[in-house]
Amino acid sequence: MKKTIILGASSNPERYSYKATLKLAQHGHEVIPVGLREGKIESHQILTNMPIIEGIDTVTMYVGAKNQSVYYDYILNQLKPKRIVFNPGAENAELVKLANEKGIATEESCTLVLLSLGSY
């Protein structure tokens, strides 16, 4: 299973980051929701302030491209994930280029669709 950070996590059940957190956990993945505000997604505490977490396989992005630059160092040099999934609305050619230069795989896709297809 893939240890996943949900970047842009929200405690609002209507948000896709909320739904993705639950679906990832239902599929057996270890989820770490990270957002701007503290809160909960059922039993999962939303962490703030860019926590350093080891062994991350995937960062799934729910932050729009215009707000991602503050996370570049955090993602690329601190988390060092194996891949970044850019969900719809989070696509960012600049971050894709920077990630690929560091050997981090990138994918423009929807986490919920990947899970439903069994290709997460």
C-alpha atoms as a PDB file:
ATOM      1  CA  MET A   1       0.000   0.000   0.000  1.00  0.00           C
ATOM      2  CA  LYS A   2       1.102   3.553  -0.705  1.00  0.00           C
ATOM      3  CA  LYS A   3       1.758   6.078   2.064  1.00  0.00           C
ATOM      4  CA  THR A   4       0.035   9.167   0.697  1.00  0.00           C
ATOM      5  CA  ILE A   5      -0.086  12.833   1.620  1.00  0.00           C
ATOM      6  CA  ILE A   6      -3.294  14.576   0.596  1.00  0.00           C
ATOM      7  CA  LEU A   7      -2.031  18.129   0.081  1.00  0.00           C
ATOM      8  CA  GLY A   8      -4.839  20.658   0.323  1.00  0.00           C
ATOM      9  CA  ALA A   9      -6.952  18.483   2.627  1.00  0.00           C
ATOM     10  CA  SER A  10     -10.215  19.937   3.875  1.00  0.00           C
ATOM     11  CA  SER A  11     -12.651  18.891   6.596  1.00  0.00           C
ATOM     12  CA  ASN A  12     -15.527  19.836   4.263  1.00  0.00           C
ATOM     13  CA  PRO A  13     -17.228  16.576   3.163  1.00  0.00           C
ATOM     14  CA  GLU A  14     -18.107  18.200  -0.187  1.00  0.00           C
ATOM     15  CA  ARG A  15     -14.442  18.640  -1.156  1.00  0.00           C
ATOM     16  CA  TYR A  16     -12.671  16.055  -3.302  1.00  0.00           C
ATOM     17  CA  SER A  17      -9.685  16.041  -0.939  1.00  0.00           C
ATOM     18  CA  TYR A  18     -12.039  14.839   1.818  1.00  0.00           C
ATOM     19  CA  LYS A  19     -13.519  12.125  -0.411  1.00  0.00           C
ATOM     20  CA  ALA A  20     -10.070  11.039  -1.612  1.00  0.00           C
ATOM     21  CA  THR A  21      -8.779  10.720   1.956  1.00  0.00           C
ATOM     22  CA  LEU A  22     -11.609   8.352   2.842  1.00  0.00           C
ATOM     23  CA  LYS A  23     -11.345   6.322  -0.390  1.00  0.00           C
ATOM     24  CA  LEU A  24      -7.576   5.943  -0.079  1.00  0.00           C
ATOM     25  CA  ALA A  25      -7.983   4.705   3.499  1.00  0.00           C
ATOM     26  CA  GLN A  26     -10.774   2.323   2.433  1.00  0.00           C
ATOM     27  CA  HIS A  27      -8.366   0.881  -0.144  1.00  0.00           C
ATOM     28  CA  GLY A  28      -5.789   0.252   2.596  1.00  0.00           C
ATOM     29  CA  HIS A  29      -3.431   3.147   1.931  1.00  0.00           C
ATOM     30  CA  GLU A  30      -1.879   5.067   4.807  1.00  0.00           C
ATOM     31  CA  VAL A  31      -3.200   8.623   4.463  1.00  0.00           C
ATOM     32  CA  ILE A  32      -1.803  11.842   5.888  1.00  0.00           C
ATOM     33  CA  PRO A  33      -4.081  14.812   5.187  1.00  0.00           C
ATOM     34  CA  VAL A  34      -2.200  18.123   5.137  1.00  0.00           C
ATOM     35  CA  GLY A  35      -4.091  21.406   4.871  1.00  0.00           C
ATOM     36  CA  LEU A  36      -4.160  25.061   5.799  1.00  0.00           C
ATOM     37  CA  ARG A  37      -6.540  24.549   8.714  1.00  0.00           C
ATOM     38  CA  GLU A  38      -6.682  21.916  11.406  1.00  0.00           C
ATOM     39  CA  GLY A  39      -9.652  19.610  11.373  1.00  0.00           C
ATOM     40  CA  LYS A  40     -10.631  16.007  10.893  1.00  0.00           C
ATOM     41  CA  ILE A  41     -11.657  13.774   8.059  1.00  0.00           C
ATOM     42  CA  GLU A  42     -13.460  11.156  10.101  1.00  0.00           C
ATOM     43  CA  SER A  43     -10.643   9.635  12.206  1.00  0.00           C
ATOM     44  CA  HIS A  44      -7.838  11.330  10.221  1.00  0.00           C
ATOM     45  CA  GLN A  45      -6.387  14.499  11.734  1.00  0.00           C
ATOM     46  CA  ILE A  46      -5.552  17.215   9.189  1.00  0.00           C
ATOM     47  CA  LEU A  47      -1.976  18.334   9.801  1.00  0.00           C
ATOM     48  CA  THR A  48      -0.787  21.884   9.144  1.00  0.00           C
ATOM     49  CA  ASN A  49       2.533  23.719   8.779  1.00  0.00           C
ATOM     50  CA  MET A  50       4.098  21.286   6.286  1.00  0.00           C
ATOM     51  CA  PRO A  51       4.992  18.393   8.598  1.00  0.00           C
ATOM     52  CA  ILE A  52       8.046  16.352   7.672  1.00  0.00           C
ATOM     53  CA  ILE A  53       7.011  12.750   7.145  1.00  0.00           C
ATOM     54  CA  GLU A  54       9.336   9.969   5.996  1.00  0.00           C
ATOM     55  CA  GLY A  55       8.620   7.237   3.467  1.00  0.00           C
ATOM     56  CA  ILE A  56       6.042   9.045   1.328  1.00  0.00           C
ATOM     57  CA  ASP A  57       5.109   7.218  -1.842  1.00  0.00           C
ATOM     58  CA  THR A  58       2.613   9.700  -3.275  1.00  0.00           C
ATOM     59  CA  VAL A  59       1.597  13.316  -2.842  1.00  0.00           C
ATOM     60  CA  THR A  60      -1.864  13.833  -4.280  1.00  0.00           C
ATOM     61  CA  MET A  61      -2.403  17.540  -5.001  1.00  0.00           C
ATOM     62  CA  TYR A  62      -5.602  19.408  -4.232  1.00  0.00           C
ATOM     63  CA  VAL A  63      -3.946  22.837  -4.261  1.00  0.00           C
ATOM     64  CA  GLY A  64      -4.350  25.012  -7.353  1.00  0.00           C
ATOM     65  CA  ALA A  65      -1.224  25.779  -9.396  1.00  0.00           C
ATOM     66  CA  LYS A  66      -1.169  29.465  -8.389  1.00  0.00           C
ATOM     67  CA  ASN A  67      -0.848  28.461  -4.719  1.00  0.00           C
ATOM     68  CA  GLN A  68       1.646  25.605  -5.104  1.00  0.00           C
ATOM     69  CA  SER A  69       4.964  27.472  -5.246  1.00  0.00           C
ATOM     70  CA  VAL A  70       5.137  27.748  -1.432  1.00  0.00           C
ATOM     71  CA  TYR A  71       5.089  23.928  -1.347  1.00  0.00           C
ATOM     72  CA  TYR A  72       7.847  23.269  -3.922  1.00  0.00           C
ATOM     73  CA  ASP A  73      10.699  22.897  -1.423  1.00  0.00           C
ATOM     74  CA  TYR A  74       8.477  20.971   0.981  1.00  0.00           C
ATOM     75  CA  ILE A  75       7.463  18.433  -1.657  1.00  0.00           C
ATOM     76  CA  LEU A  76      10.703  18.124  -3.616  1.00  0.00           C
ATOM     77  CA  ASN A  77      13.354  18.383  -0.897  1.00  0.00           C
ATOM     78  CA  GLN A  78      11.654  17.402   2.340  1.00  0.00           C
ATOM     79  CA  LEU A  79       8.977  14.833   1.492  1.00  0.00           C
ATOM     80  CA  LYS A  80      10.802  13.427  -1.561  1.00  0.00           C
ATOM     81  CA  PRO A  81       7.836  11.330  -2.767  1.00  0.00           C
ATOM     82  CA  LYS A  82       8.089   8.708  -5.488  1.00  0.00           C
ATOM     83  CA  ARG A  83       5.272  10.439  -7.390  1.00  0.00           C
ATOM     84  CA  ILE A  84       2.912  13.398  -7.447  1.00  0.00           C
ATOM     85  CA  VAL A  85      -0.675  13.066  -8.675  1.00  0.00           C
ATOM     86  CA  PHE A  86      -2.076  16.354  -9.985  1.00  0.00           C
ATOM     87  CA  ASN A  87      -5.834  16.169  -9.591  1.00  0.00           C
ATOM     88  CA  PRO A  88      -8.083  18.221 -11.917  1.00  0.00           C
ATOM     89  CA  GLY A  89      -7.502  21.904 -11.229  1.00  0.00           C
ATOM     90  CA  ALA A  90      -4.067  21.276  -9.715  1.00  0.00           C
ATOM     91  CA  GLU A  91      -2.129  20.747 -12.965  1.00  0.00           C
ATOM     92  CA  ASN A  92       1.206  22.607 -12.935  1.00  0.00           C
ATOM     93  CA  ALA A  93       3.774  22.276 -15.728  1.00  0.00           C
ATOM     94  CA  GLU A  94       6.470  24.063 -13.689  1.00  0.00           C
ATOM     95  CA  LEU A  95       6.204  21.656 -10.747  1.00  0.00           C
ATOM     96  CA  VAL A  96       6.031  18.671 -13.125  1.00  0.00           C
ATOM     97  CA  LYS A  97       9.337  19.784 -14.681  1.00  0.00           C
ATOM     98  CA  LEU A  98      11.010  20.325 -11.287  1.00  0.00           C
ATOM     99  CA  ALA A  99       9.759  16.970  -9.981  1.00  0.00           C
ATOM    100  CA  ASN A 100      10.882  15.080 -13.076  1.00  0.00           C
ATOM    101  CA  GLU A 101      14.355  16.642 -12.774  1.00  0.00           C
ATOM    102  CA  LYS A 102      14.549  15.098  -9.279  1.00  0.00           C
ATOM    103  CA  GLY A 103      13.376  11.697 -10.535  1.00  0.00           C
ATOM    104  CA  ILE A 104       9.868  12.059  -9.106  1.00  0.00           C
ATOM    105  CA  ALA A 105       7.156  10.600 -11.318  1.00  0.00           C
ATOM    106  CA  THR A 106       4.166  12.818 -12.062  1.00  0.00           C
ATOM    107  CA  GLU A 107       0.664  12.068 -13.215  1.00  0.00           C
ATOM    108  CA  GLU A 108      -2.213  14.340 -14.198  1.00  0.00           C
ATOM    109  CA  SER A 109      -5.181  12.301 -13.101  1.00  0.00           C
ATOM    110  CA  CYS A 110      -7.940  12.048 -10.541  1.00  0.00           C
ATOM    111  CA  THR A 111      -7.114  10.051  -7.420  1.00  0.00           C
ATOM    112  CA  LEU A 112     -10.738   8.907  -7.113  1.00  0.00           C
ATOM    113  CA  VAL A 113     -10.768   7.646 -10.718  1.00  0.00           C
ATOM    114  CA  LEU A 114      -7.415   5.879 -10.269  1.00  0.00           C
ATOM    115  CA  LEU A 115      -8.782   4.107  -7.196  1.00  0.00           C
ATOM    116  CA  SER A 116     -12.002   3.100  -8.956  1.00  0.00           C
ATOM    117  CA  LEU A 117      -9.987   1.643 -11.853  1.00  0.00           C
ATOM    118  CA  GLY A 118      -7.593  -0.195  -9.525  1.00  0.00           C
ATOM    119  CA  SER A 119      -4.620   1.691 -10.975  1.00  0.00           C
ATOM    120  CA  TYR A 120      -3.671   3.907  -8.055  1.00  0.00           C
END
